[in-house]
Structures are given as structure tokens and as C-alpha cells.
């Protein structure tokens, strides 16, 4: 049986007698390119799982149920057999529209009319209402 012994493993290494420092300096345009690439990478790391989550019917049903709860109505999807997220969103939109036309909602909105600007409510013209209008028509 032969054994290979490397001399570099047995011999001690000499201590370095000098330190050489290499420095790379970027100009403004290179820094802007690198910064743009980093931002794109970070956005991609966030957007890819978010899109995957929202394209999943079960995950989207949880999101829409939570949104419905936040807006004050109960989203019911018990009898609905949906295959796509678009069908789920359409069903949620239909139920939310029916909820907004209900007498209970109308009475709550009439009672909530305050003469000053709503900061974060769900009344007409509020940021949440505008976002829902853009998302769901």
C-alpha cells in the first residue's frame, strides 16, 4: 500500500513579510448601475413569491377572507367550487357589492358621515376605497 505525502502539508509556511491591499473604486455611473441591479434583485425576491401566493386559489381565498373581515362583511365561499383566482375574485366582488347595497351597510355609512376628511376609513374617496376600486373595478 502506497501513501502519497505532499511536502507542502509537512513544511511550515513562512510568515508574510508584507501586506498587499487591492482597492476597487467605482465611479458615480458604476455605483448607479450596481444600485439599480440591487433594487431589481430585491424587488424580484419579493415579487416572485407574492405573485405565486396570489395565483394560488387557497392562498387568495385567505387573503380575500381577511380583506372582507377588515371591511366588515363575511365572505362566504362554502358552496363555491372555484378553479381559478379570477373566479374567486369575481365571487368576492359580487358578494362585496351585495354587502354594500344592503340596508345595514347603508345605515352604517350614513351614521359614519363626518363633516371632516376621513384619514384612513373605508368611506367613498378614502385610500382604501380607491385601491379596491382599482383592483376590483
C-alpha atoms as a PDB file:
ATOM      1  CA  UNK A   1       0.000   0.000   0.000  1.00  0.00           C
ATOM      2  CA  UNK A   2       1.469   3.326  -1.076  1.00  0.00           C
ATOM      3  CA  UNK A   3       0.722   6.566   0.594  1.00  0.00           C
ATOM      4  CA  UNK A   4       1.155   9.945  -1.034  1.00  0.00           C
ATOM      5  CA  UNK A   5       2.509  12.645   1.232  1.00  0.00           C
ATOM      6  CA  UNK A   6       2.561  16.192  -0.011  1.00  0.00           C
ATOM      7  CA  UNK A   7       5.568  18.165   1.138  1.00  0.00           C
ATOM      8  CA  UNK A   8       3.524  21.360   1.349  1.00  0.00           C
ATOM      9  CA  UNK A   9       1.454  19.819   4.118  1.00  0.00           C
ATOM     10  CA  UNK A  10       4.502  18.944   6.213  1.00  0.00           C
ATOM     11  CA  UNK A  11       6.613  22.038   5.741  1.00  0.00           C
ATOM     12  CA  UNK A  12       5.765  25.169   7.731  1.00  0.00           C
ATOM     13  CA  UNK A  13       4.628  28.201   5.802  1.00  0.00           C
ATOM     14  CA  UNK A  14       6.724  31.325   6.043  1.00  0.00           C
ATOM     15  CA  UNK A  15       5.049  34.327   7.636  1.00  0.00           C
ATOM     16  CA  UNK A  16       4.178  37.070   5.185  1.00  0.00           C
ATOM     17  CA  UNK A  17       6.604  39.951   5.232  1.00  0.00           C
ATOM     18  CA  UNK A  18       4.300  42.432   3.500  1.00  0.00           C
ATOM     19  CA  UNK A  19       0.594  43.088   3.045  1.00  0.00           C
ATOM     20  CA  UNK A  20      -0.718  43.950  -0.380  1.00  0.00           C
ATOM     21  CA  UNK A  21      -4.043  45.743  -0.420  1.00  0.00           C
ATOM     22  CA  UNK A  22      -6.196  45.823  -3.558  1.00  0.00           C
ATOM     23  CA  UNK A  23      -8.853  48.504  -3.767  1.00  0.00           C
ATOM     24  CA  UNK A  24     -11.542  48.836  -6.412  1.00  0.00           C
ATOM     25  CA  UNK A  25     -13.110  52.264  -6.709  1.00  0.00           C
ATOM     26  CA  UNK A  26     -16.322  52.767  -8.653  1.00  0.00           C
ATOM     27  CA  UNK A  27     -17.373  55.997 -10.229  1.00  0.00           C
ATOM     28  CA  UNK A  28     -20.841  57.512  -9.908  1.00  0.00           C
ATOM     29  CA  UNK A  29     -22.219  55.797 -13.024  1.00  0.00           C
ATOM     30  CA  UNK A  30     -20.937  52.369 -11.900  1.00  0.00           C
ATOM     31  CA  UNK A  31     -22.455  52.888  -8.447  1.00  0.00           C
ATOM     32  CA  UNK A  32     -25.798  53.793 -10.026  1.00  0.00           C
ATOM     33  CA  UNK A  33     -25.691  50.653 -12.184  1.00  0.00           C
ATOM     34  CA  UNK A  34     -24.929  48.469  -9.168  1.00  0.00           C
ATOM     35  CA  UNK A  35     -27.618  50.173  -7.095  1.00  0.00           C
ATOM     36  CA  UNK A  36     -30.185  49.627  -9.856  1.00  0.00           C
ATOM     37  CA  UNK A  37     -29.230  45.966 -10.110  1.00  0.00           C
ATOM     38  CA  UNK A  38     -29.577  45.551  -6.335  1.00  0.00           C
ATOM     39  CA  UNK A  39     -33.007  47.182  -6.313  1.00  0.00           C
ATOM     40  CA  UNK A  40     -34.150  44.947  -9.183  1.00  0.00           C
ATOM     41  CA  UNK A  41     -32.847  41.885  -7.335  1.00  0.00           C
ATOM     42  CA  UNK A  42     -34.649  42.871  -4.119  1.00  0.00           C
ATOM     43  CA  UNK A  43     -37.917  43.580  -5.938  1.00  0.00           C
ATOM     44  CA  UNK A  44     -37.659  40.217  -7.682  1.00  0.00           C
ATOM     45  CA  UNK A  45     -37.084  38.455  -4.354  1.00  0.00           C
ATOM     46  CA  UNK A  46     -40.290  39.996  -3.001  1.00  0.00           C
ATOM     47  CA  UNK A  47     -42.476  39.988  -6.117  1.00  0.00           C
ATOM     48  CA  UNK A  48     -41.922  36.384  -7.219  1.00  0.00           C
ATOM     49  CA  UNK A  49     -43.251  34.748  -4.011  1.00  0.00           C
ATOM     50  CA  UNK A  50     -46.047  37.323  -3.780  1.00  0.00           C
ATOM     51  CA  UNK A  51     -47.258  36.574  -7.303  1.00  0.00           C
ATOM     52  CA  UNK A  52     -47.009  32.840  -6.614  1.00  0.00           C
ATOM     53  CA  UNK A  53     -49.010  33.282  -3.418  1.00  0.00           C
ATOM     54  CA  UNK A  54     -51.720  35.340  -5.090  1.00  0.00           C
ATOM     55  CA  UNK A  55     -52.036  32.947  -8.023  1.00  0.00           C
ATOM     56  CA  UNK A  56     -52.824  30.092  -5.625  1.00  0.00           C
ATOM     57  CA  UNK A  57     -56.589  29.777  -5.072  1.00  0.00           C
ATOM     58  CA  UNK A  58     -56.363  28.679  -1.433  1.00  0.00           C
ATOM     59  CA  UNK A  59     -53.949  31.480  -0.501  1.00  0.00           C
ATOM     60  CA  UNK A  60     -56.034  34.047  -2.333  1.00  0.00           C
ATOM     61  CA  UNK A  61     -59.159  32.859  -0.530  1.00  0.00           C
ATOM     62  CA  UNK A  62     -57.405  33.523   2.791  1.00  0.00           C
ATOM     63  CA  UNK A  63     -56.365  36.996   1.623  1.00  0.00           C
ATOM     64  CA  UNK A  64     -59.880  37.844   0.399  1.00  0.00           C
ATOM     65  CA  UNK A  65     -61.488  36.480   3.566  1.00  0.00           C
ATOM     66  CA  UNK A  66     -59.160  38.638   5.671  1.00  0.00           C
ATOM     67  CA  UNK A  67     -59.904  41.667   3.469  1.00  0.00           C
ATOM     68  CA  UNK A  68     -63.639  41.038   3.801  1.00  0.00           C
ATOM     69  CA  UNK A  69     -63.304  40.797   7.568  1.00  0.00           C
ATOM     70  CA  UNK A  70     -61.364  44.043   7.628  1.00  0.00           C
ATOM     71  CA  UNK A  71     -64.057  45.741   5.564  1.00  0.00           C
ATOM     72  CA  UNK A  72     -66.774  44.422   7.869  1.00  0.00           C
ATOM     73  CA  UNK A  73     -68.511  41.733   5.869  1.00  0.00           C
ATOM     74  CA  UNK A  74     -68.332  37.969   5.965  1.00  0.00           C
ATOM     75  CA  UNK A  75     -67.073  36.407   2.760  1.00  0.00           C
ATOM     76  CA  UNK A  76     -68.828  33.074   2.209  1.00  0.00           C
ATOM     77  CA  UNK A  77     -67.234  30.619  -0.174  1.00  0.00           C
ATOM     78  CA  UNK A  78     -68.644  27.382   1.233  1.00  0.00           C
ATOM     79  CA  UNK A  79     -70.757  26.360  -1.770  1.00  0.00           C
ATOM     80  CA  UNK A  80     -68.376  27.798  -4.359  1.00  0.00           C
ATOM     81  CA  UNK A  81     -66.098  25.431  -6.233  1.00  0.00           C
ATOM     82  CA  UNK A  82     -63.554  27.677  -7.905  1.00  0.00           C
ATOM     83  CA  UNK A  83     -60.657  26.606 -10.054  1.00  0.00           C
ATOM     84  CA  UNK A  84     -59.006  29.946 -10.753  1.00  0.00           C
ATOM     85  CA  UNK A  85     -58.195  33.014  -8.735  1.00  0.00           C
ATOM     86  CA  UNK A  86     -60.128  35.141 -11.227  1.00  0.00           C
ATOM     87  CA  UNK A  87     -63.347  33.237 -10.418  1.00  0.00           C
ATOM     88  CA  UNK A  88     -62.597  33.705  -6.726  1.00  0.00           C
ATOM     89  CA  UNK A  89     -62.033  37.458  -7.156  1.00  0.00           C
ATOM     90  CA  UNK A  90     -65.232  37.781  -9.208  1.00  0.00           C
ATOM     91  CA  UNK A  91     -67.203  35.965  -6.496  1.00  0.00           C
ATOM     92  CA  UNK A  92     -65.687  38.154  -3.783  1.00  0.00           C
ATOM     93  CA  UNK A  93     -66.526  41.276  -5.806  1.00  0.00           C
ATOM     94  CA  UNK A  94     -70.121  40.119  -6.239  1.00  0.00           C
ATOM     95  CA  UNK A  95     -70.542  39.452  -2.527  1.00  0.00           C
ATOM     96  CA  UNK A  96     -68.897  42.746  -1.591  1.00  0.00           C
ATOM     97  CA  UNK A  97     -71.164  44.673  -3.968  1.00  0.00           C
ATOM     98  CA  UNK A  98     -74.228  42.947  -2.484  1.00  0.00           C
ATOM     99  CA  UNK A  99     -72.962  43.795   1.001  1.00  0.00           C
ATOM    100  CA  UNK A 100     -72.535  47.470   0.076  1.00  0.00           C
ATOM    101  CA  UNK A 101     -76.126  47.565  -1.190  1.00  0.00           C
ATOM    102  CA  UNK A 102     -77.519  46.025   1.993  1.00  0.00           C
ATOM    103  CA  UNK A 103     -79.575  48.210   4.350  1.00  0.00           C
ATOM    104  CA  UNK A 104     -77.179  47.547   7.240  1.00  0.00           C
ATOM    105  CA  UNK A 105     -74.209  48.865   5.300  1.00  0.00           C
ATOM    106  CA  UNK A 106     -76.147  51.893   4.065  1.00  0.00           C
ATOM    107  CA  UNK A 107     -77.225  52.752   7.610  1.00  0.00           C
ATOM    108  CA  UNK A 108     -73.657  52.373   8.904  1.00  0.00           C
ATOM    109  CA  UNK A 109     -72.337  54.639   6.144  1.00  0.00           C
ATOM    110  CA  UNK A 110     -74.998  57.262   6.852  1.00  0.00           C
ATOM    111  CA  UNK A 111     -74.091  57.203  10.549  1.00  0.00           C
ATOM    112  CA  UNK A 112     -70.382  57.433   9.768  1.00  0.00           C
ATOM    113  CA  UNK A 113     -70.635  60.581   7.642  1.00  0.00           C
ATOM    114  CA  UNK A 114     -68.409  63.048   9.438  1.00  0.00           C
ATOM    115  CA  UNK A 115     -68.031  66.628   8.229  1.00  0.00           C
ATOM    116  CA  UNK A 116     -64.200  66.441   8.144  1.00  0.00           C
ATOM    117  CA  UNK A 117     -61.947  64.399   5.834  1.00  0.00           C
ATOM    118  CA  UNK A 118     -61.610  60.668   6.539  1.00  0.00           C
ATOM    119  CA  UNK A 119     -57.982  59.788   7.109  1.00  0.00           C
ATOM    120  CA  UNK A 120     -57.985  56.018   6.796  1.00  0.00           C
ATOM    121  CA  UNK A 121     -61.585  54.848   6.767  1.00  0.00           C
ATOM    122  CA  UNK A 122     -63.418  52.913   4.103  1.00  0.00           C
ATOM    123  CA  UNK A 123     -65.793  55.679   3.025  1.00  0.00           C
ATOM    124  CA  UNK A 124     -66.046  56.986  -0.514  1.00  0.00           C
ATOM    125  CA  UNK A 125     -62.873  58.749  -1.581  1.00  0.00           C
ATOM    126  CA  UNK A 126     -60.691  57.122   1.055  1.00  0.00           C
ATOM    127  CA  UNK A 127     -57.396  55.498   0.011  1.00  0.00           C
ATOM    128  CA  UNK A 128     -58.711  52.004   0.744  1.00  0.00           C
ATOM    129  CA  UNK A 129     -61.840  52.592  -1.323  1.00  0.00           C
ATOM    130  CA  UNK A 130     -59.743  53.924  -4.224  1.00  0.00           C
ATOM    131  CA  UNK A 131     -57.426  50.909  -4.038  1.00  0.00           C
ATOM    132  CA  UNK A 132     -60.379  48.499  -4.035  1.00  0.00           C
ATOM    133  CA  UNK A 133     -61.858  50.348  -6.990  1.00  0.00           C
ATOM    134  CA  UNK A 134     -58.628  49.990  -8.932  1.00  0.00           C
ATOM    135  CA  UNK A 135     -58.177  46.330  -8.031  1.00  0.00           C
ATOM    136  CA  UNK A 136     -61.734  45.127  -8.492  1.00  0.00           C
ATOM    137  CA  UNK A 137     -63.358  47.687 -10.770  1.00  0.00           C
END
